[in-house]
Amino acid sequence: MKKKYYFVIFFLILVIFFIINISSVNAKMYKILDSEGNIIRITNNPVLSIEEKEAGCKILSAPDGIIMATQDQITNGQEIKQEISSGNEKYDFRKTNWGMSKEQVKVTEEKKPGFEDDTKVGYEVKIDIYDFLCFYTFLEDKLYKSGYAFSGEHTNKNHYITDYKNLKEILTKKYGKPKTDIVLWENDLFKNDKQEWGLAISVGHLLYRATWETPTTMIALALSGNNYRIGLNMYYESKELEEWAKRMEEKETSKNL
């Protein structure tokens, strides 16, 4: 019951922050494949040589499939964990595609959900060194929005800013330069005291937000706060289903009036 209550609270907080704002890979062995998919060598070091990169080689890490490993994606000798992106363009988020049913999405995860209701499924996951709640959101049993909510806590609120910058760097390496990159001061009270910027975020004075796009997905990284609570969240939303989702949400809202 406590765990279920924890997830319910997290989803409520996540909704509030969404309105306000709009680890290492476990596999030990890797197969190096040439551009035609033939195995050319097996290694425990997921790094391609210069010649292999130029030849369009890929790295296969069982059981998660092909991972495009370049030196920019390696942190301290380890590949950035798959949770932020599938590493394979056939997926929109983790191992899922927009429009999948809730049951189809659940099959892609390796454990039971920590939380589930008619429109959401949640899992506890790690991204690099960070603890997150991974959530999937459905309308009419179609996946249209997903993301991550940071579930860790910092006594020093400035550490959330460090986390945000680290995650932004990871996303930039994957998706390129952000489409938008905002640091917005709603209130300048703490602006000249950098040691209090974490506090400024927690009371809603300061907001960080960056966005990216792929052909199918809108992605946002947001650091914001309210009432002395801070939310560090990553949002992924279907571009194709965006208008449909808005119409369905408006229809549902009008029904409840």
Protein backbone atom coordinates (compact mmCIF):
# COMPACT_ATOMS: atom_id res chain seq x y z
CA MET A 1 0.00 0.00 0.00
CA LYS A 2 2.82 2.39 0.85
CA LYS A 3 4.46 1.82 -2.54
CA LYS A 4 1.18 2.35 -4.37
CA TYR A 5 0.59 5.54 -2.38
CA TYR A 6 4.10 6.72 -3.32
CA PHE A 7 3.39 6.29 -7.02
CA VAL A 8 0.00 8.01 -6.77
CA ILE A 9 1.63 11.03 -5.10
CA PHE A 10 4.35 11.10 -7.75
CA PHE A 11 1.85 11.13 -10.60
CA LEU A 12 -0.06 13.98 -8.98
CA ILE A 13 3.15 15.99 -8.62
CA LEU A 14 4.08 15.15 -12.21
CA VAL A 15 0.76 16.49 -13.52
CA ILE A 16 1.29 19.75 -11.60
CA PHE A 17 4.77 20.27 -13.06
CA PHE A 18 3.58 19.35 -16.58
CA ILE A 19 0.94 22.07 -16.38
CA ILE A 20 3.49 24.58 -15.11
CA ASN A 21 5.99 23.81 -17.93
CA ILE A 22 3.61 23.07 -20.89
CA SER A 23 23.65 3.40 -15.60
CA SER A 24 25.49 1.50 -17.10
CA VAL A 25 24.52 -1.23 -19.55
CA ASN A 26 24.50 -4.60 -17.81
CA ALA A 27 25.59 -6.71 -20.80
CA LYS A 28 29.21 -7.85 -20.52
CA MET A 29 29.86 -8.97 -24.08
CA TYR A 30 29.21 -7.14 -27.36
CA LYS A 31 29.13 -8.20 -31.00
CA ILE A 32 30.65 -5.83 -33.54
CA LEU A 33 28.65 -5.98 -36.78
CA ASP A 34 29.61 -4.70 -40.20
CA SER A 35 27.23 -2.56 -42.28
CA GLU A 36 25.53 -5.72 -43.60
CA GLY A 37 24.95 -7.18 -40.14
CA ASN A 38 27.78 -9.73 -40.18
CA ILE A 39 29.69 -10.35 -36.93
CA ILE A 40 33.32 -9.27 -37.29
CA ARG A 41 34.41 -9.55 -33.65
CA ILE A 42 33.20 -10.04 -30.06
CA THR A 43 34.40 -7.78 -27.24
CA ASN A 44 33.61 -6.64 -23.69
CA ASN A 45 34.46 -3.03 -24.60
CA PRO A 46 31.56 -1.25 -26.38
CA VAL A 47 33.75 1.15 -28.40
CA LEU A 48 34.22 1.13 -32.15
CA SER A 49 37.60 1.77 -33.72
CA ILE A 50 37.97 4.71 -36.12
CA GLU A 51 38.02 2.31 -39.07
CA GLU A 52 34.85 0.58 -37.84
CA LYS A 53 33.02 3.89 -37.38
CA GLU A 54 33.96 4.97 -40.90
CA ALA A 55 32.76 1.62 -42.24
CA GLY A 56 29.35 2.05 -40.57
CA CYS A 57 29.76 -0.77 -38.08
CA LYS A 58 27.35 -1.25 -35.20
CA ILE A 59 27.46 -2.80 -31.72
CA LEU A 60 24.97 -5.51 -30.71
CA SER A 61 24.36 -5.85 -26.97
CA ALA A 62 22.16 -8.79 -26.02
CA PRO A 63 19.34 -8.70 -25.15
CA ASP A 64 18.63 -5.06 -25.90
CA GLY A 65 19.52 -5.03 -29.58
CA ILE A 66 21.61 -2.66 -31.66
CA ILE A 67 23.26 0.25 -29.87
CA MET A 68 24.96 2.93 -31.92
CA ALA A 69 27.99 3.40 -29.71
CA THR A 70 30.30 6.32 -30.43
CA GLN A 71 32.92 7.85 -28.21
CA ASP A 72 30.58 10.79 -27.45
CA GLN A 73 28.09 8.32 -25.94
CA ILE A 74 30.61 6.79 -23.56
CA THR A 75 30.84 8.21 -20.03
CA ASN A 76 33.72 6.98 -17.84
CA GLY A 77 34.15 3.97 -20.14
CA GLN A 78 30.49 2.98 -19.88
CA GLU A 79 27.67 3.55 -22.33
CA ILE A 80 24.87 5.90 -21.31
CA LYS A 81 22.08 3.67 -20.09
CA GLN A 82 19.37 2.74 -22.56
CA GLU A 83 16.52 4.28 -20.56
CA ILE A 84 16.87 7.77 -22.07
CA SER A 85 16.60 6.46 -25.62
CA SER A 86 16.32 3.08 -27.23
CA GLY A 87 19.45 3.66 -29.29
CA ASN A 88 17.41 2.30 -32.19
CA GLU A 89 15.32 4.65 -34.32
CA LYS A 90 12.53 2.08 -34.76
CA TYR A 91 11.34 3.00 -31.24
CA ASP A 92 9.79 6.29 -30.10
CA PHE A 93 10.40 5.85 -26.35
CA ARG A 94 12.41 3.08 -24.70
CA LYS A 95 11.14 -0.04 -26.51
CA THR A 96 7.73 1.33 -27.45
CA ASN A 97 6.01 3.17 -30.28
CA TRP A 98 3.21 5.71 -30.08
CA GLY A 99 -0.24 4.19 -30.38
CA MET A 100 0.64 0.93 -28.62
CA SER A 101 -1.86 -0.45 -26.10
CA LYS A 102 -1.16 -0.61 -22.38
CA GLU A 103 -0.73 -4.38 -22.51
CA GLN A 104 1.71 -4.10 -25.41
CA VAL A 105 3.75 -1.53 -23.50
CA LYS A 106 3.86 -3.67 -20.35
CA VAL A 107 5.36 -6.55 -22.34
CA THR A 108 8.36 -4.34 -23.24
CA GLU A 109 9.34 -3.82 -19.59
CA GLU A 110 11.21 -6.48 -17.65
CA LYS A 111 9.29 -6.12 -14.38
CA LYS A 112 5.79 -5.54 -13.03
CA PRO A 113 4.57 -1.94 -12.87
CA GLY A 114 4.98 -0.09 -9.59
CA PHE A 115 1.76 1.72 -10.39
CA GLU A 116 -1.07 1.15 -12.84
CA ASP A 117 -4.54 2.57 -13.48
CA ASP A 118 -6.78 2.98 -16.54
CA THR A 119 -4.61 5.64 -18.20
CA LYS A 120 -1.11 5.26 -16.71
CA VAL A 121 1.60 2.72 -16.00
CA GLY A 122 4.67 3.54 -13.89
CA TYR A 123 8.03 1.86 -13.24
CA GLU A 124 11.04 2.67 -11.07
CA VAL A 125 14.15 2.88 -13.28
CA LYS A 126 17.72 4.12 -13.23
CA ILE A 127 19.18 6.48 -15.83
CA ASP A 128 22.94 6.66 -15.44
CA ILE A 129 23.24 7.31 -11.66
CA TYR A 130 19.76 8.79 -11.24
CA ASP A 131 16.57 7.25 -9.85
CA PHE A 132 13.47 8.02 -11.89
CA LEU A 133 9.84 7.10 -12.11
CA CYS A 134 9.19 6.12 -15.74
CA PHE A 135 5.59 6.73 -16.77
CA TYR A 136 3.47 5.84 -19.79
CA THR A 137 0.20 7.70 -20.45
CA PHE A 138 -2.71 6.42 -22.58
CA LEU A 139 -5.91 7.73 -24.13
CA GLU A 140 -8.42 5.17 -25.43
CA ASP A 141 -5.69 2.60 -24.75
CA LYS A 142 -3.24 4.37 -27.08
CA LEU A 143 0.20 5.40 -25.87
CA TYR A 144 0.65 9.10 -26.65
CA LYS A 145 2.86 10.50 -23.90
CA SER A 146 5.67 9.16 -21.72
CA GLY A 147 8.55 10.39 -19.63
CA TYR A 148 10.61 10.34 -16.47
CA ALA A 149 10.20 12.08 -13.12
CA PHE A 150 13.28 12.31 -10.89
CA SER A 151 12.52 10.45 -7.66
CA GLY A 152 15.69 11.28 -5.73
CA GLU A 153 16.05 14.11 -3.24
CA HIS A 154 18.81 16.63 -2.50
CA THR A 155 19.28 18.54 0.74
CA ASN A 156 21.22 21.15 -1.23
CA LYS A 157 18.67 22.30 -3.80
CA ASN A 158 21.43 23.59 -6.10
CA HIS A 159 22.28 19.95 -6.86
CA TYR A 160 19.08 19.73 -8.91
CA ILE A 161 20.61 22.28 -11.27
CA THR A 162 23.70 20.08 -11.64
CA ASP A 163 21.45 17.09 -12.40
CA TYR A 164 19.53 19.11 -14.98
CA LYS A 165 22.72 20.16 -16.76
CA ASN A 166 24.05 16.58 -16.80
CA LEU A 167 20.81 15.25 -18.29
CA LYS A 168 20.69 18.07 -20.80
CA GLU A 169 24.19 17.12 -21.97
CA ILE A 170 23.12 13.48 -22.40
CA LEU A 171 20.04 14.45 -24.40
CA THR A 172 22.06 16.87 -26.53
CA LYS A 173 24.51 14.13 -27.42
CA LYS A 174 21.61 11.95 -28.52
CA TYR A 175 19.33 14.51 -30.22
CA GLY A 176 21.62 17.41 -31.08
CA LYS A 177 21.38 21.05 -30.10
CA PRO A 178 18.11 21.88 -28.27
CA LYS A 179 15.38 23.49 -30.32
CA THR A 180 14.70 25.79 -27.35
CA ASP A 181 16.90 26.37 -24.31
CA ILE A 182 15.35 28.55 -21.61
CA VAL A 183 16.50 29.86 -18.25
CA LEU A 184 13.60 32.03 -17.11
CA TRP A 185 13.46 34.25 -14.03
CA GLU A 186 9.86 34.94 -12.99
CA ASN A 187 11.08 36.84 -9.91
CA ASP A 188 14.57 38.37 -9.51
CA LEU A 189 14.70 38.13 -5.69
CA PHE A 190 17.52 35.52 -5.66
CA LYS A 191 19.00 36.24 -9.09
CA ASN A 192 22.22 37.83 -7.77
CA ASP A 193 22.85 35.06 -5.22
CA LYS A 194 23.82 31.89 -7.09
CA GLN A 195 23.87 29.86 -3.87
CA GLU A 196 20.11 30.39 -3.60
CA TRP A 197 19.18 29.45 -7.15
CA GLY A 198 17.96 26.03 -6.00
CA LEU A 199 15.68 27.77 -3.52
CA ALA A 200 14.54 30.11 -6.30
CA ILE A 201 13.47 27.09 -8.35
CA SER A 202 11.58 25.55 -5.43
CA VAL A 203 9.42 28.66 -4.93
CA GLY A 204 8.71 29.15 -8.63
CA HIS A 205 11.07 32.10 -9.24
CA LEU A 206 13.36 30.26 -11.68
CA LEU A 207 12.65 27.77 -14.46
CA TYR A 208 14.97 25.72 -16.69
CA ARG A 209 13.59 24.12 -19.85
CA ALA A 210 15.06 22.66 -23.04
CA THR A 211 13.29 20.94 -25.94
CA TRP A 212 14.21 18.67 -28.83
CA GLU A 213 12.32 17.05 -31.71
CA THR A 214 12.62 13.87 -33.72
CA PRO A 215 10.44 13.04 -36.75
CA THR A 216 7.88 11.43 -34.44
CA THR A 217 8.43 12.89 -30.98
CA MET A 218 8.54 16.13 -29.00
CA ILE A 219 10.98 15.96 -26.08
CA ALA A 220 11.29 18.35 -23.14
CA LEU A 221 13.58 18.48 -20.13
CA ALA A 222 12.25 20.72 -17.36
CA LEU A 223 13.41 21.83 -13.93
CA SER A 224 10.76 23.77 -12.03
CA GLY A 225 9.21 24.11 -8.63
CA ASN A 226 6.35 25.25 -6.47
CA ASN A 227 5.65 25.43 -2.74
CA TYR A 228 9.29 24.48 -1.95
CA ARG A 229 9.13 21.29 -4.02
CA ILE A 230 11.29 20.74 -7.11
CA GLY A 231 10.44 18.64 -10.16
CA LEU A 232 13.07 17.41 -12.59
CA ASN A 233 11.22 15.79 -15.49
CA MET A 234 11.69 14.56 -19.04
CA TYR A 235 8.64 14.46 -21.30
CA TYR A 236 8.19 12.59 -24.57
CA GLU A 237 5.02 13.16 -26.61
CA SER A 238 3.78 11.90 -29.96
CA LYS A 239 3.69 14.57 -32.66
CA GLU A 240 1.19 12.65 -34.75
CA LEU A 241 -1.23 12.08 -31.84
CA GLU A 242 -0.88 15.54 -30.29
CA GLU A 243 -3.99 17.11 -31.84
CA TRP A 244 -6.03 13.96 -31.35
CA ALA A 245 -5.02 13.82 -27.66
CA LYS A 246 -6.00 17.47 -27.16
CA ARG A 247 -9.43 16.85 -28.68
CA MET A 248 -9.96 13.78 -26.53
CA GLU A 249 -8.88 15.61 -23.37
CA GLU A 250 -11.18 18.55 -24.15
CA LYS A 251 -14.04 16.15 -24.80
CA GLU A 252 -13.42 14.44 -21.46
CA THR A 253 -13.21 17.76 -19.65
CA SER A 254 -16.50 19.00 -21.13
CA LYS A 255 -18.12 15.73 -20.08
CA ASN A 256 -17.16 16.34 -16.46
CA LEU A 257 -18.40 19.95 -16.31
